């Protein structure tokens, strides 16, 4: 593997920005010092005026393989991820077939080992009848990111609403339980009420049907179960102001048993954007009224919300162009999450240090990921170089998602990613792509 020396670069790490040289060797960060001099077999990269960030770890993506590869594959979406500075991802079980057994889980790992340009982990899914299979993951909790549970609302057979199954998972899981929380009963009642009005529904009805109360009731139930059994709960894609009362900033992240994630689209869009974007911002949980966005930003910055992710969920252009009730829910975002946060940094909304905390450090801490998420000697060299002078606009010609579109098309980003290293290998850089070395399976430091 090539040795790299990053010279005179601004290292954004652990709440500070420090100019340093950084030596990458054998896949790891070998040394950090004010000045490192090496004479041979080293590729030097001048980092003057640029920033070095730890690679983003996205704890919630849908890469659609196996079974839904007309939308995306692990290869295509991991490539898009790397171009956006995401060096590790954790992928969800709602593929075809759903990842309900250890055998199916290992099949995904085999696909990723052969094709993924980023590091990877996969959740095992749980439904009302497979608790035994899901809990088998306890035996390999150092090799699997967690159990994914759709509490209250889902598609297909991923729903978990049996109280006995819920109590068993929360009481017996030795792993992190990641939950999608929306109450199906409330959603159905809201949909029936809307349909009874005798008009054609549009995407503007989406945040009314999948409203704040549906999210709050389900999240509250998950938190109650976690407190009852002292479970390790991670609530995904918080989208409402009301849910924020369920989460705390009164203790360090590493001591929390209940944590929460916010996604970039809930920090960026509001219900006002349905008029322009239509079904292309239809997602679950729904993008809601603007006061929720304001509250989410406040909770992110004061640490009630712990991590930033994408819930990257690509669908084809045709699938999004269906009438509202048939249009698929989900947005492709993994290539543009860090660039979008860099935009918010440029307008003074969030610091680079906070971006690094919420997209790298905190994800590593939440999931107890081994040797990643920080820029430290001995850690894997998952790194991103950002040039504050490189501007670009998101457009079809630079979108790498297999689906070929983004809800952010036309948006201008004032800072650009010039290099992405995965395990010390320069996968993406100014000179193009080097796909000769694939990503690695994430490991976890769990007792």
Protein backbone atom coordinates (compact mmCIF):
# COMPACT_ATOMS: atom_id res chain seq x y z
CA UNK A 1 0.00 0.00 0.00
CA UNK A 2 1.22 3.49 -0.87
CA UNK A 3 2.56 5.75 1.89
CA UNK A 4 1.12 9.28 1.99
CA UNK A 5 2.36 12.38 3.78
CA UNK A 6 -0.15 15.19 4.14
CA UNK A 7 1.77 18.41 4.68
CA UNK A 8 0.72 21.56 6.51
CA UNK A 9 -2.98 20.65 6.69
CA UNK A 10 -5.60 21.96 9.15
CA UNK A 11 -6.68 18.90 11.14
CA UNK A 12 -10.26 19.14 12.41
CA UNK A 13 -10.50 16.72 15.31
CA UNK A 14 -11.85 16.44 18.85
CA UNK A 15 -13.04 20.02 19.11
CA UNK A 16 -9.91 21.67 17.72
CA UNK A 17 -8.35 22.74 14.43
CA UNK A 18 -4.55 22.32 14.43
CA UNK A 19 -2.10 22.65 11.54
CA UNK A 20 -0.07 19.45 11.29
CA UNK A 21 1.66 16.96 9.04
CA UNK A 22 -0.02 13.55 8.92
CA UNK A 23 1.68 10.32 7.80
CA UNK A 24 -0.46 7.47 6.46
CA UNK A 25 1.16 4.03 6.35
CA UNK A 26 -0.14 0.45 6.26
CA UNK A 27 -3.73 1.65 6.30
CA UNK A 28 -3.37 3.61 9.53
CA UNK A 29 -2.37 7.04 10.77
CA UNK A 30 1.28 6.40 11.51
CA UNK A 31 2.28 9.80 12.87
CA UNK A 32 1.06 13.34 13.43
CA UNK A 33 3.52 16.15 14.08
CA UNK A 34 4.16 19.81 13.21
CA UNK A 35 6.78 18.73 10.68
CA UNK A 36 7.49 15.24 9.28
CA UNK A 37 10.31 14.73 6.77
CA UNK A 38 10.58 11.59 4.65
CA UNK A 39 12.75 11.21 1.56
CA UNK A 40 11.60 8.21 -0.46
CA UNK A 41 8.60 6.05 -1.37
CA UNK A 42 6.18 8.65 -0.13
CA UNK A 43 3.53 10.62 -1.98
CA UNK A 44 3.30 14.11 -0.52
CA UNK A 45 0.07 16.05 -0.67
CA UNK A 46 0.21 19.78 0.03
CA UNK A 47 -2.57 20.54 2.47
CA UNK A 48 -1.93 24.27 2.75
CA UNK A 49 -5.21 26.11 3.18
CA UNK A 50 -7.19 22.86 3.27
CA UNK A 51 -8.90 20.92 6.06
CA UNK A 52 -8.51 17.28 7.07
CA UNK A 53 -11.61 15.66 8.55
CA UNK A 54 -12.17 12.11 9.78
CA UNK A 55 -14.24 10.19 7.26
CA UNK A 56 -17.98 10.42 7.78
CA UNK A 57 -19.68 7.34 9.25
CA UNK A 58 -23.28 7.10 8.08
CA UNK A 59 -25.27 4.91 10.47
CA UNK A 60 -28.37 4.61 8.27
CA UNK A 61 -28.39 3.84 4.56
CA UNK A 62 -30.40 1.66 2.18
CA UNK A 63 -28.18 0.37 -0.64
CA UNK A 64 -30.90 -1.99 -2.02
CA UNK A 65 -28.79 -5.10 -2.60
CA UNK A 66 -29.87 -7.87 -2.86
CA UNK A 67 -33.19 -7.83 -4.67
CA UNK A 68 -33.73 -4.17 -5.50
CA UNK A 69 -30.69 -3.53 -7.65
CA UNK A 70 -32.66 -1.60 -10.26
CA UNK A 71 -32.55 1.21 -7.66
CA UNK A 72 -28.99 0.83 -6.36
CA UNK A 73 -26.18 -1.58 -5.50
CA UNK A 74 -23.63 -1.70 -2.74
CA UNK A 75 -20.99 -0.79 -5.33
CA UNK A 76 -22.76 2.21 -6.86
CA UNK A 77 -23.89 3.74 -3.58
CA UNK A 78 -20.59 3.14 -1.78
CA UNK A 79 -18.86 4.95 -4.64
CA UNK A 80 -21.26 7.86 -4.26
CA UNK A 81 -20.61 7.78 -0.51
CA UNK A 82 -16.84 7.98 -0.94
CA UNK A 83 -17.15 10.90 -3.36
CA UNK A 84 -19.06 12.69 -0.59
CA UNK A 85 -16.55 11.96 2.15
CA UNK A 86 -18.43 9.02 3.68
CA UNK A 87 -15.87 6.30 4.43
CA UNK A 88 -18.07 3.89 6.42
CA UNK A 89 -21.76 2.99 6.32
CA UNK A 90 -24.28 0.84 8.16
CA UNK A 91 -26.95 -0.60 5.90
CA UNK A 92 -30.54 -1.53 6.63
CA UNK A 93 -32.28 -4.94 6.37
CA UNK A 94 -35.23 -4.06 4.10
CA UNK A 95 -33.79 -5.67 0.98
CA UNK A 96 -35.28 -8.63 -0.92
CA UNK A 97 -35.23 -10.95 0.90
CA UNK A 98 -35.14 -8.98 4.16
CA UNK A 99 -32.07 -9.63 6.28
CA UNK A 100 -33.81 -11.69 8.95
CA UNK A 101 -31.23 -14.45 9.52
CA UNK A 102 -27.51 -14.68 10.16
CA UNK A 103 -27.11 -16.55 6.87
CA UNK A 104 -28.71 -13.72 4.89
CA UNK A 105 -26.67 -11.20 6.86
CA UNK A 106 -23.41 -12.92 5.94
CA UNK A 107 -24.46 -12.95 2.27
CA UNK A 108 -24.54 -9.17 2.39
CA UNK A 109 -21.11 -9.07 3.95
CA UNK A 110 -19.78 -11.20 1.10
CA UNK A 111 -21.22 -8.81 -1.49
CA UNK A 112 -19.69 -5.83 0.30
CA UNK A 113 -16.29 -7.49 0.65
CA UNK A 114 -16.17 -7.93 -3.11
CA UNK A 115 -17.65 -4.60 -4.21
CA UNK A 116 -17.81 -1.88 -1.54
CA UNK A 117 -15.39 1.02 -1.84
CA UNK A 118 -16.25 2.14 1.71
CA UNK A 119 -16.13 0.29 5.01
CA UNK A 120 -19.38 -1.42 5.92
CA UNK A 121 -21.64 -3.03 8.46
CA UNK A 122 -25.18 -4.40 8.20
CA UNK A 123 -28.08 -4.49 10.65
CA UNK A 124 -30.01 -7.68 11.22
CA UNK A 125 -33.75 -7.10 10.93
CA UNK A 126 -36.50 -8.20 13.26
CA UNK A 127 -40.22 -8.73 12.73
CA UNK A 128 -43.06 -10.33 14.70
CA UNK A 129 -41.88 -13.90 14.10
CA UNK A 130 -38.07 -13.95 13.88
CA UNK A 131 -36.90 -12.86 17.33
CA UNK A 132 -34.88 -16.07 17.76
CA UNK A 133 -32.97 -15.42 14.53
CA UNK A 134 -32.35 -11.75 15.30
CA UNK A 135 -31.04 -12.47 18.78
CA UNK A 136 -28.47 -14.87 17.34
CA UNK A 137 -26.53 -11.72 16.45
CA UNK A 138 -25.66 -11.40 20.16
CA UNK A 139 -23.02 -14.07 19.54
CA UNK A 140 -21.24 -11.82 17.00
CA UNK A 141 -21.95 -8.42 18.54
CA UNK A 142 -18.37 -7.33 17.84
CA UNK A 143 -18.99 -7.81 14.10
CA UNK A 144 -22.55 -6.51 13.57
CA UNK A 145 -23.66 -2.90 14.05
CA UNK A 146 -27.03 -3.67 15.60
CA UNK A 147 -30.64 -4.83 15.39
CA UNK A 148 -32.97 -2.72 13.25
CA UNK A 149 -36.60 -2.56 14.29
CA UNK A 150 -39.48 -0.85 12.50
CA UNK A 151 -41.70 0.03 15.47
CA UNK A 152 -45.22 0.83 14.43
CA UNK A 153 -44.86 1.54 10.72
CA UNK A 154 -43.07 -0.15 7.85
CA UNK A 155 -43.40 -1.79 4.47
CA UNK A 156 -43.63 -5.50 3.74
CA UNK A 157 -43.17 -7.81 6.71
CA UNK A 158 -40.69 -5.71 8.69
CA UNK A 159 -43.22 -4.30 11.14
CA UNK A 160 -42.83 -5.15 14.83
CA UNK A 161 -45.95 -4.42 16.84
CA UNK A 162 -46.29 -7.57 18.96
CA UNK A 163 -45.74 -6.50 22.60
CA UNK A 164 -44.19 -9.84 23.56
CA UNK A 165 -41.66 -9.64 20.71
CA UNK A 166 -40.83 -6.03 21.55
CA UNK A 167 -40.25 -6.86 25.20
CA UNK A 168 -38.11 -9.84 24.30
CA UNK A 169 -35.86 -7.84 21.96
CA UNK A 170 -35.48 -4.97 24.42
CA UNK A 171 -34.77 -7.32 27.34
CA UNK A 172 -32.47 -9.81 25.59
CA UNK A 173 -30.51 -7.85 22.98
CA UNK A 174 -26.87 -7.34 23.90
CA UNK A 175 -26.49 -5.04 20.93
CA UNK A 176 -27.64 -1.57 19.99
CA UNK A 177 -31.31 -1.51 18.92
CA UNK A 178 -31.98 1.03 16.17
CA UNK A 179 -35.63 1.95 15.74
CA UNK A 180 -37.79 3.60 13.11
CA UNK A 181 -40.59 5.10 15.19
CA UNK A 182 -43.97 6.00 13.67
CA UNK A 183 -47.28 4.76 15.04
CA UNK A 184 -49.16 2.77 12.40
CA UNK A 185 -52.59 3.18 14.06
CA UNK A 186 -52.33 6.97 14.05
CA UNK A 187 -51.11 7.00 10.45
CA UNK A 188 -54.00 4.81 9.30
CA UNK A 189 -56.54 6.98 11.09
CA UNK A 190 -55.07 10.13 9.55
CA UNK A 191 -55.08 8.56 6.08
CA UNK A 192 -58.69 7.44 6.41
CA UNK A 193 -59.70 10.93 7.51
CA UNK A 194 -57.91 12.51 4.54
CA UNK A 195 -59.46 10.06 2.08
CA UNK A 196 -62.92 10.71 3.51
CA UNK A 197 -62.67 14.29 2.31
CA UNK A 198 -63.26 13.00 -1.23
CA UNK A 199 -60.35 14.77 -2.90
CA UNK A 200 -57.15 13.60 -4.53
CA UNK A 201 -54.36 13.55 -1.99
CA UNK A 202 -51.00 15.17 -2.76
CA UNK A 203 -47.60 15.06 -1.14
CA UNK A 204 -48.59 18.15 0.87
CA UNK A 205 -50.79 15.75 2.86
CA UNK A 206 -47.79 13.59 3.78
CA UNK A 207 -46.76 15.44 6.99
CA UNK A 208 -50.43 15.58 8.03
CA UNK A 209 -50.94 11.83 7.58
CA UNK A 210 -47.56 10.93 9.12
CA UNK A 211 -47.78 13.67 11.71
CA UNK A 212 -45.90 14.72 14.82
CA UNK A 213 -48.07 12.64 17.12
CA UNK A 214 -47.42 9.44 15.15
CA UNK A 215 -43.69 9.98 15.63
CA UNK A 216 -43.92 11.01 19.27
CA UNK A 217 -46.14 8.16 20.46
CA UNK A 218 -43.88 5.53 18.89
CA UNK A 219 -40.62 7.13 20.06
CA UNK A 220 -42.02 7.50 23.56
CA UNK A 221 -42.94 3.81 23.61
CA UNK A 222 -39.42 2.83 22.50
CA UNK A 223 -37.86 5.02 25.18
CA UNK A 224 -40.14 3.52 27.85
CA UNK A 225 -39.11 0.00 26.87
CA UNK A 226 -35.43 0.94 26.83
CA UNK A 227 -35.64 2.47 30.29
CA UNK A 228 -37.55 -0.54 31.63
CA UNK A 229 -34.94 -3.04 30.42
CA UNK A 230 -31.85 -0.77 30.38
CA UNK A 231 -31.53 -1.45 26.65
CA UNK A 232 -29.10 0.31 24.35
CA UNK A 233 -31.57 2.25 22.18
CA UNK A 234 -30.78 4.47 19.19
CA UNK A 235 -33.82 6.25 17.72
CA UNK A 236 -33.36 7.01 14.05
CA UNK A 237 -34.32 10.11 12.02
CA UNK A 238 -35.97 12.31 14.64
CA UNK A 239 -38.18 14.72 12.71
CA UNK A 240 -40.32 16.60 15.25
CA UNK A 241 -39.91 19.19 17.96
CA UNK A 242 -42.15 17.18 20.30
CA UNK A 243 -39.87 14.12 20.29
CA UNK A 244 -36.93 16.17 21.55
CA UNK A 245 -38.27 16.09 25.12
CA UNK A 246 -37.44 12.36 25.14
CA UNK A 247 -33.68 12.93 24.86
CA UNK A 248 -31.07 14.40 27.17
CA UNK A 249 -27.83 16.33 27.01
CA UNK A 250 -27.14 15.98 30.74
CA UNK A 251 -24.46 13.31 30.43
CA UNK A 252 -21.54 12.53 28.11
CA UNK A 253 -22.47 10.59 24.98
CA UNK A 254 -20.48 7.52 26.02
CA UNK A 255 -22.65 7.22 29.14
CA UNK A 256 -25.98 7.45 27.34
CA UNK A 257 -28.14 4.35 26.98
CA UNK A 258 -30.63 6.20 24.78
CA UNK A 259 -29.36 8.20 21.80
CA UNK A 260 -30.92 9.89 18.80
CA UNK A 261 -30.11 10.61 15.18
CA UNK A 262 -31.15 13.47 12.92
CA UNK A 263 -30.98 13.27 9.11
CA UNK A 264 -29.74 15.96 6.77
CA UNK A 265 -33.05 16.29 4.91
CA UNK A 266 -34.91 17.12 8.13
CA UNK A 267 -32.28 19.79 8.82
CA UNK A 268 -32.58 21.22 5.30
CA UNK A 269 -36.13 20.95 3.95
CA UNK A 270 -39.49 21.94 5.43
CA UNK A 271 -43.08 21.23 4.44
CA UNK A 272 -42.99 24.46 2.44
CA UNK A 273 -40.67 22.71 -0.03
CA UNK A 274 -43.30 20.19 -1.17
CA UNK A 275 -44.70 22.84 -3.52
CA UNK A 276 -41.47 22.80 -5.53
CA UNK A 277 -39.99 19.36 -4.86
CA UNK A 278 -43.17 17.27 -4.73
CA UNK A 279 -42.72 13.52 -4.29
CA UNK A 280 -38.97 13.93 -4.62
CA UNK A 281 -38.83 14.85 -0.94
CA UNK A 282 -41.45 12.31 0.14
CA UNK A 283 -39.87 10.22 2.89
CA UNK A 284 -40.75 8.47 6.15
CA UNK A 285 -40.84 10.03 8.65
CA UNK A 286 -42.15 13.00 6.72
CA UNK A 287 -40.48 16.36 6.33
CA UNK A 288 -42.69 18.58 8.46
CA UNK A 289 -43.53 22.20 9.27
CA UNK A 290 -40.67 24.68 9.65
CA UNK A 291 -40.80 24.96 13.46
CA UNK A 292 -39.59 21.35 13.63
CA UNK A 293 -36.51 22.11 11.53
CA UNK A 294 -35.63 25.03 13.81
CA UNK A 295 -36.00 22.84 16.90
CA UNK A 296 -33.92 20.03 15.38
CA UNK A 297 -31.04 22.42 14.73
CA UNK A 298 -31.20 23.63 18.31
CA UNK A 299 -31.17 20.09 19.69
CA UNK A 300 -28.29 19.10 17.40
CA UNK A 301 -26.16 21.98 18.57
CA UNK A 302 -26.92 21.45 22.28
CA UNK A 303 -26.35 17.66 22.06
CA UNK A 304 -29.82 16.31 22.65
CA UNK A 305 -29.44 14.88 19.14
CA UNK A 306 -26.28 12.85 18.93
CA UNK A 307 -25.46 12.05 15.30
CA UNK A 308 -26.16 13.23 11.75
CA UNK A 309 -27.00 10.64 9.08
CA UNK A 310 -28.81 10.40 5.75
CA UNK A 311 -31.29 7.50 5.66
CA UNK A 312 -30.09 7.32 2.03
CA UNK A 313 -32.98 5.60 0.24
CA UNK A 314 -32.81 5.72 -3.57
CA UNK A 315 -35.74 5.04 -5.88
CA UNK A 316 -35.95 5.37 -9.63
CA UNK A 317 -37.20 8.56 -11.22
CA UNK A 318 -40.29 6.68 -12.41
CA UNK A 319 -41.04 5.39 -8.90
CA UNK A 320 -40.97 8.94 -7.55
CA UNK A 321 -43.13 10.25 -10.39
CA UNK A 322 -46.14 8.13 -9.45
CA UNK A 323 -49.20 9.80 -7.88
CA UNK A 324 -48.63 10.65 -4.23
CA UNK A 325 -50.06 7.51 -2.62
CA UNK A 326 -48.10 5.23 -4.98
CA UNK A 327 -44.86 7.23 -5.08
CA UNK A 328 -42.06 5.51 -3.15
CA UNK A 329 -40.80 7.21 0.02
CA UNK A 330 -37.10 7.93 0.39
CA UNK A 331 -34.32 10.25 -0.80
CA UNK A 332 -30.80 9.59 -2.17
CA UNK A 333 -28.44 11.67 -0.01
CA UNK A 334 -25.22 9.84 0.91
CA UNK A 335 -23.03 11.68 -1.64
CA UNK A 336 -24.15 15.07 -0.41
CA UNK A 337 -24.53 14.92 3.38
CA UNK A 338 -21.10 16.29 4.22
CA UNK A 339 -21.19 18.89 1.41
CA UNK A 340 -24.59 20.06 2.69
CA UNK A 341 -23.22 20.45 6.22
CA UNK A 342 -20.23 22.33 4.78
CA UNK A 343 -22.72 24.73 3.23
CA UNK A 344 -24.30 25.28 6.64
CA UNK A 345 -20.83 25.87 8.05
CA UNK A 346 -20.20 28.51 5.36
CA UNK A 347 -23.27 30.49 6.49
CA UNK A 348 -22.34 30.25 10.18
CA UNK A 349 -24.90 27.65 11.24
CA UNK A 350 -22.47 24.99 12.49
CA UNK A 351 -18.72 24.78 13.08
CA UNK A 352 -16.38 22.36 11.36
CA UNK A 353 -15.60 20.92 14.78
CA UNK A 354 -19.29 20.22 15.41
CA UNK A 355 -19.73 18.67 11.96
CA UNK A 356 -16.83 16.34 12.70
CA UNK A 357 -18.27 15.49 16.10
CA UNK A 358 -21.75 14.66 14.85
CA UNK A 359 -20.80 12.85 11.63
CA UNK A 360 -17.70 10.96 12.79
CA UNK A 361 -16.72 11.03 16.47
CA UNK A 362 -20.21 10.57 17.90
CA UNK A 363 -21.15 7.79 15.49
CA UNK A 364 -18.02 5.87 16.45
CA UNK A 365 -18.82 6.38 20.12
CA UNK A 366 -22.52 5.48 19.80
CA UNK A 367 -21.74 2.19 18.08
CA UNK A 368 -18.39 1.54 19.82
CA UNK A 369 -16.63 1.23 16.47
CA UNK A 370 -13.06 0.03 16.79
CA UNK A 371 -10.27 2.44 15.73
CA UNK A 372 -12.33 4.75 13.54
CA UNK A 373 -14.09 8.10 13.68
CA UNK A 374 -11.15 10.12 14.96
CA UNK A 375 -7.83 11.40 13.60
CA UNK A 376 -5.49 9.66 16.01
CA UNK A 377 -2.18 7.86 15.68
CA UNK A 378 -2.87 4.14 15.29
CA UNK A 379 -6.43 4.63 14.01
CA UNK A 380 -7.46 3.63 10.50
CA UNK A 381 -6.72 6.36 7.98
CA UNK A 382 -10.32 7.09 6.98
CA UNK A 383 -9.84 10.71 6.02
CA UNK A 384 -11.31 13.49 3.90
CA UNK A 385 -9.57 16.58 2.54
CA UNK A 386 -11.81 19.62 2.08
CA UNK A 387 -10.80 22.63 0.02
CA UNK A 388 -12.65 25.82 1.06
CA UNK A 389 -11.83 27.31 -2.35
CA UNK A 390 -13.37 24.50 -4.41
CA UNK A 391 -16.98 25.27 -5.19
CA UNK A 392 -19.46 23.16 -7.13
CA UNK A 393 -23.14 22.77 -7.87
CA UNK A 394 -25.01 19.48 -7.54
CA UNK A 395 -26.06 18.42 -11.05
CA UNK A 396 -27.00 15.28 -12.94
CA UNK A 397 -23.54 15.03 -14.51
CA UNK A 398 -21.81 14.75 -11.10
CA UNK A 399 -24.40 12.60 -9.28
CA UNK A 400 -23.12 9.04 -8.76
CA UNK A 401 -26.28 7.39 -7.38
CA UNK A 402 -27.54 4.63 -9.65
CA UNK A 403 -30.97 6.31 -9.65
CA UNK A 404 -29.35 9.36 -11.27
CA UNK A 405 -31.13 12.14 -9.40
CA UNK A 406 -30.96 14.14 -6.19
CA UNK A 407 -33.46 16.37 -4.37
CA UNK A 408 -30.57 18.83 -4.06
CA UNK A 409 -29.98 19.31 -7.79
CA UNK A 410 -29.03 22.91 -8.53
CA UNK A 411 -27.84 23.56 -4.97
CA UNK A 412 -24.48 25.34 -4.76
CA UNK A 413 -21.84 24.04 -2.34
CA UNK A 414 -19.10 26.56 -1.43
CA UNK A 415 -16.53 24.00 -0.20
CA UNK A 416 -15.40 20.87 -2.03
CA UNK A 417 -14.00 17.42 -1.22
CA UNK A 418 -10.73 16.80 -3.05
CA UNK A 419 -9.52 13.49 -1.54
CA UNK A 420 -11.11 10.58 0.30
CA UNK A 421 -8.91 7.92 1.94
CA UNK A 422 -10.39 4.62 3.09
CA UNK A 423 -8.02 2.60 5.29
CA UNK A 424 -5.12 4.69 4.00
CA UNK A 425 -5.97 4.00 0.37
CA UNK A 426 -6.72 7.05 -1.79
CA UNK A 427 -9.96 5.88 -3.37
CA UNK A 428 -11.10 9.28 -4.64
CA UNK A 429 -8.92 12.25 -5.51
CA UNK A 430 -8.24 15.03 -7.95
CA UNK A 431 -6.75 12.51 -10.36
CA UNK A 432 -9.84 10.29 -10.34
CA UNK A 433 -10.65 6.90 -8.84
CA UNK A 434 -8.55 3.99 -7.63
CA UNK A 435 -10.90 1.08 -6.89
CA UNK A 436 -8.21 -1.57 -6.56
CA UNK A 437 -8.67 -1.97 -2.78
CA UNK A 438 -12.09 -2.46 -1.24
CA UNK A 439 -13.40 -1.33 2.14
CA UNK A 440 -13.33 -3.38 5.33
CA UNK A 441 -15.94 -4.81 7.68
CA UNK A 442 -16.43 -2.59 10.71
CA UNK A 443 -15.62 -4.10 14.09
CA UNK A 444 -17.04 -3.04 17.46
CA UNK A 445 -15.55 -2.85 20.95
CA UNK A 446 -18.39 -4.41 22.92
CA UNK A 447 -18.12 -6.27 26.23
